[in-house]
Amino acid sequence: MSDRALVVFVKHPAPGTVKTRLAAAVGPEAAASLYRALAERVLEATTPRAGEYERLVFFDPPEALAEMRAWLPGVRLVAQSAGDLGARLTDATARAFARGASRVAAVGTDVPGLARDTVLAALDALDAADVAIGPTEDGGYYLLALPQPRPELFAGIAWSTSSVAAETRARAAAAGLVVHELPVLRDVDTIESVRLEWPTLRPLLAARPRLRDSIEEALAGSPPA
């Protein structure tokens, strides 16, 4: 049993509820199917080896438990709390610490470049830092790791904006915390980010040829930004 934990946020991939910006270009069904493939990729890539860390998958909405169990058999599932993303991150990380973890990293399922090694690097960085942050190219972050609960890093953040990572760094600096920066990665939320990540995403859709072809058609019909 490790005293380190990884919290993964996952949504039930119902059309119209996930990847809504991407759905404008590819349709809600394709956007939901791509989200499912992305989540499966991240969960596979962050599966820990023995003793590395405990992984807890926090899902939303809570009423989708049966569907989540059918989709992700054998995965430890925990329902997300109510509230905005900050409230849910505060709750999830606090629950991981309450289980006995001394270091907790939290991630989403939007970044195909996220892997187990990234999680380990973040947790190891807490030897010398108070916070480890993995920024995304759009100004958000794909990972935040802490050695103790820090609700002030989550409350009042303007989520889903380009200022999320900067606001978080500013909060950390105000509290006198040492921040370790992880490599910048790209999350997949728009047709342009799909285009940029397509060499990585396309192989994930080998078993979903209709989805692959429909996204390639959308890419062809949407000129690069």
Protein backbone atom coordinates (compact mmCIF):
# COMPACT_ATOMS: atom_id res chain seq x y z
CA MET A 1 0.00 0.00 0.00
CA SER A 2 1.51 3.32 -1.08
CA ASP A 3 1.17 6.53 0.91
CA ARG A 4 0.95 8.44 -2.38
CA ALA A 5 -2.26 8.87 -4.37
CA LEU A 6 -3.43 9.89 -7.81
CA VAL A 7 -6.90 11.40 -8.17
CA VAL A 8 -8.31 11.14 -11.70
CA PHE A 9 -11.41 13.12 -12.69
CA VAL A 10 -13.59 11.37 -15.27
CA LYS A 11 -17.01 12.20 -16.69
CA HIS A 12 -19.62 9.76 -17.91
CA PRO A 13 -19.21 10.13 -21.71
CA ALA A 14 -22.81 10.94 -22.58
CA PRO A 15 -23.24 12.87 -25.85
CA GLY A 16 -23.88 16.54 -25.22
CA THR A 17 -22.25 16.56 -21.77
CA VAL A 18 -18.56 16.18 -22.63
CA LYS A 19 -16.29 18.00 -25.08
CA THR A 20 -19.01 20.49 -25.95
CA ARG A 21 -16.63 22.87 -27.77
CA LEU A 22 -15.34 20.02 -29.88
CA ALA A 23 -18.91 18.86 -30.52
CA ALA A 24 -19.53 22.04 -32.50
CA ALA A 25 -17.12 20.70 -35.14
CA VAL A 26 -17.58 16.92 -35.00
CA GLY A 27 -21.03 16.47 -33.44
CA PRO A 28 -21.96 15.38 -29.89
CA GLU A 29 -21.75 11.63 -30.57
CA ALA A 30 -18.25 11.80 -32.04
CA ALA A 31 -17.09 14.21 -29.33
CA ALA A 32 -18.33 11.83 -26.61
CA SER A 33 -16.71 8.84 -28.31
CA LEU A 34 -13.39 10.68 -28.59
CA TYR A 35 -13.63 11.64 -24.93
CA ARG A 36 -14.16 7.98 -24.06
CA ALA A 37 -11.06 7.02 -26.04
CA LEU A 38 -9.03 9.80 -24.39
CA ALA A 39 -10.13 8.75 -20.91
CA GLU A 40 -9.26 5.13 -21.62
CA ARG A 41 -5.84 6.24 -22.86
CA VAL A 42 -5.13 8.30 -19.75
CA LEU A 43 -6.34 5.57 -17.40
CA GLU A 44 -4.19 2.98 -19.15
CA ALA A 45 -1.16 5.28 -19.18
CA THR A 46 -1.46 6.20 -15.48
CA THR A 47 -1.97 2.68 -14.14
CA PRO A 48 0.56 2.42 -11.31
CA ARG A 49 2.99 -0.38 -10.74
CA ALA A 50 3.02 -2.07 -7.33
CA GLY A 51 3.68 0.38 -4.52
CA GLU A 52 3.99 3.51 -6.67
CA TYR A 53 0.69 5.20 -5.77
CA GLU A 54 -2.95 4.44 -5.15
CA ARG A 55 -5.27 5.60 -7.93
CA LEU A 56 -8.77 6.86 -7.19
CA VAL A 57 -11.10 7.65 -10.10
CA PHE A 58 -13.61 10.36 -9.18
CA PHE A 59 -16.53 10.31 -11.61
CA ASP A 60 -19.41 12.61 -12.48
CA PRO A 61 -22.38 12.57 -12.38
CA PRO A 62 -22.88 10.38 -9.29
CA GLU A 63 -26.07 8.84 -10.71
CA ALA A 64 -24.03 7.28 -13.54
CA LEU A 65 -22.37 4.76 -11.20
CA ALA A 66 -23.83 1.68 -12.95
CA GLU A 67 -22.73 2.95 -16.37
CA MET A 68 -19.27 3.84 -15.06
CA ARG A 69 -18.83 0.39 -13.52
CA ALA A 70 -19.82 -1.21 -16.82
CA TRP A 71 -17.39 1.02 -18.73
CA LEU A 72 -14.46 0.77 -16.29
CA PRO A 73 -14.65 -2.62 -14.54
CA GLY A 74 -12.09 -3.12 -11.81
CA VAL A 75 -11.37 0.59 -11.42
CA ARG A 76 -11.81 2.13 -7.95
CA LEU A 77 -14.63 4.62 -8.50
CA VAL A 78 -15.62 7.48 -6.19
CA ALA A 79 -18.45 9.92 -6.91
CA GLN A 80 -17.40 13.55 -7.25
CA SER A 81 -18.90 16.04 -4.81
CA ALA A 82 -21.21 18.89 -5.78
CA GLY A 83 -19.99 22.38 -6.62
CA ASP A 84 -17.63 23.92 -9.15
CA LEU A 85 -14.34 22.33 -10.17
CA GLY A 86 -12.53 24.01 -7.30
CA ALA A 87 -14.92 22.56 -4.72
CA ARG A 88 -14.67 19.13 -6.27
CA LEU A 89 -10.86 19.24 -6.35
CA THR A 90 -10.78 20.37 -2.75
CA ASP A 91 -13.05 17.50 -1.72
CA ALA A 92 -11.28 14.83 -3.78
CA THR A 93 -7.78 15.73 -2.62
CA ALA A 94 -8.94 16.01 1.01
CA ARG A 95 -10.49 12.55 0.78
CA ALA A 96 -7.28 11.12 -0.64
CA PHE A 97 -5.28 12.66 2.23
CA ALA A 98 -7.86 11.34 4.71
CA ARG A 99 -7.18 7.83 3.41
CA GLY A 100 -3.59 8.19 4.59
CA ALA A 101 -1.82 9.66 1.57
CA SER A 102 1.08 11.99 2.27
CA ARG A 103 1.25 13.22 -1.33
CA VAL A 104 -1.65 13.59 -3.76
CA ALA A 105 -1.69 14.43 -7.46
CA ALA A 106 -4.90 15.31 -9.29
CA VAL A 107 -5.41 15.03 -13.07
CA GLY A 108 -8.14 15.06 -15.67
CA THR A 109 -8.55 12.96 -18.80
CA ASP A 110 -8.08 15.58 -21.54
CA VAL A 111 -4.33 15.26 -22.12
CA PRO A 112 -3.17 12.35 -24.30
CA GLY A 113 0.47 13.05 -23.37
CA LEU A 114 -0.13 12.36 -19.68
CA ALA A 115 1.54 9.18 -18.41
CA ARG A 116 2.58 7.34 -15.27
CA ASP A 117 6.09 8.81 -15.45
CA THR A 118 4.61 12.31 -15.33
CA VAL A 119 2.67 11.45 -12.18
CA LEU A 120 5.76 9.97 -10.54
CA ALA A 121 7.82 13.04 -11.45
CA ALA A 122 5.20 15.31 -9.87
CA LEU A 123 5.02 13.28 -6.66
CA ASP A 124 8.82 13.04 -6.43
CA ALA A 125 9.14 16.80 -6.95
CA LEU A 126 7.39 17.33 -3.62
CA ASP A 127 10.66 16.33 -1.92
CA ALA A 128 11.73 19.93 -2.52
CA ALA A 129 8.53 21.76 -3.52
CA ASP A 130 5.17 22.54 -1.93
CA VAL A 131 3.25 22.31 -5.21
CA ALA A 132 3.89 20.61 -8.54
CA ILE A 133 1.93 21.97 -11.50
CA GLY A 134 1.65 20.65 -15.03
CA PRO A 135 0.56 23.55 -17.25
CA THR A 136 -1.33 23.21 -20.51
CA GLU A 137 -0.74 25.31 -23.60
CA ASP A 138 -4.11 27.04 -23.21
CA GLY A 139 -3.29 28.47 -19.77
CA GLY A 140 -4.85 25.77 -17.62
CA TYR A 141 -3.17 22.83 -15.95
CA TYR A 142 -3.39 19.07 -16.39
CA LEU A 143 -1.90 18.11 -13.02
CA LEU A 144 -1.54 19.57 -9.56
CA ALA A 145 0.32 17.69 -6.80
CA LEU A 146 0.41 18.57 -3.11
CA PRO A 147 1.95 17.22 0.11
CA GLN A 148 -1.00 18.46 2.18
CA PRO A 149 -4.49 19.89 1.59
CA ARG A 150 -4.41 23.37 0.06
CA PRO A 151 -8.03 24.49 -0.50
CA GLU A 152 -6.86 28.06 -1.12
CA LEU A 153 -5.37 26.92 -4.43
CA PHE A 154 -8.80 25.86 -5.70
CA ALA A 155 -11.30 28.36 -4.29
CA GLY A 156 -12.40 31.28 -6.45
CA ILE A 157 -10.40 30.31 -9.55
CA ALA A 158 -11.89 31.35 -12.90
CA TRP A 159 -12.10 27.81 -14.24
CA SER A 160 -12.13 27.08 -17.99
CA THR A 161 -10.20 30.26 -18.75
CA SER A 162 -6.66 30.96 -19.90
CA SER A 163 -5.75 32.35 -16.47
CA VAL A 164 -6.18 29.17 -14.40
CA ALA A 165 -2.51 28.24 -14.11
CA ALA A 166 -1.42 31.87 -13.58
CA GLU A 167 -4.02 32.37 -10.84
CA THR A 168 -2.91 29.16 -9.16
CA ARG A 169 0.74 30.20 -9.25
CA ALA A 170 -0.20 33.58 -7.80
CA ARG A 171 -2.09 31.92 -4.96
CA ALA A 172 0.89 29.69 -4.26
CA ALA A 173 3.29 32.63 -4.28
CA ALA A 174 1.06 34.59 -1.89
CA ALA A 175 1.17 31.64 0.51
CA GLY A 176 4.96 31.43 0.23
CA LEU A 177 4.85 28.02 -1.45
CA VAL A 178 7.63 26.64 -3.65
CA VAL A 179 6.22 25.58 -7.04
CA HIS A 180 7.75 22.94 -9.30
CA GLU A 181 6.86 23.26 -12.99
CA LEU A 182 6.29 20.13 -15.05
CA PRO A 183 6.53 20.11 -18.86
CA VAL A 184 3.79 21.92 -20.77
CA LEU A 185 1.33 19.55 -22.46
CA ARG A 186 -1.69 20.07 -24.70
CA ASP A 187 -5.23 19.20 -23.73
CA VAL A 188 -7.84 18.26 -26.33
CA ASP A 189 -10.90 20.50 -26.24
CA THR A 190 -11.29 21.94 -29.74
CA ILE A 191 -10.96 20.81 -33.33
CA GLU A 192 -7.64 22.68 -33.57
CA SER A 193 -6.21 20.82 -30.56
CA VAL A 194 -7.40 17.56 -32.14
CA ARG A 195 -5.50 18.53 -35.29
CA LEU A 196 -2.32 19.22 -33.35
CA GLU A 197 -2.60 15.95 -31.38
CA TRP A 198 -3.85 13.84 -34.29
CA PRO A 199 -0.62 11.81 -34.67
CA THR A 200 -1.17 10.67 -31.07
CA LEU A 201 -4.96 10.41 -31.22
CA ARG A 202 -5.33 8.57 -34.52
CA PRO A 203 -3.75 5.29 -33.28
CA LEU A 204 -6.11 5.33 -30.29
CA LEU A 205 -9.02 5.03 -32.71
CA ALA A 206 -7.83 1.89 -34.52
CA ALA A 207 -10.75 -0.04 -33.05
CA ARG A 208 -13.15 2.83 -33.86
CA PRO A 209 -12.69 3.30 -37.63
CA ARG A 210 -15.98 5.14 -38.14
CA LEU A 211 -15.07 7.64 -35.45
CA ARG A 212 -11.55 8.03 -36.90
CA ASP A 213 -12.95 8.66 -40.37
CA SER A 214 -15.58 11.15 -39.17
CA ILE A 215 -12.96 13.16 -37.28
CA GLU A 216 -10.62 13.14 -40.26
CA GLU A 217 -13.50 14.44 -42.38
CA ALA A 218 -14.09 17.22 -39.85
CA LEU A 219 -10.38 18.07 -39.85
CA ALA A 220 -10.38 18.26 -43.64
CA GLY A 221 -13.37 20.61 -43.57
CA SER A 222 -11.90 22.87 -40.88
CA PRO A 223 -8.85 24.86 -42.04
CA PRO A 224 -5.98 25.13 -39.55
CA ALA A 225 -6.18 28.16 -37.27
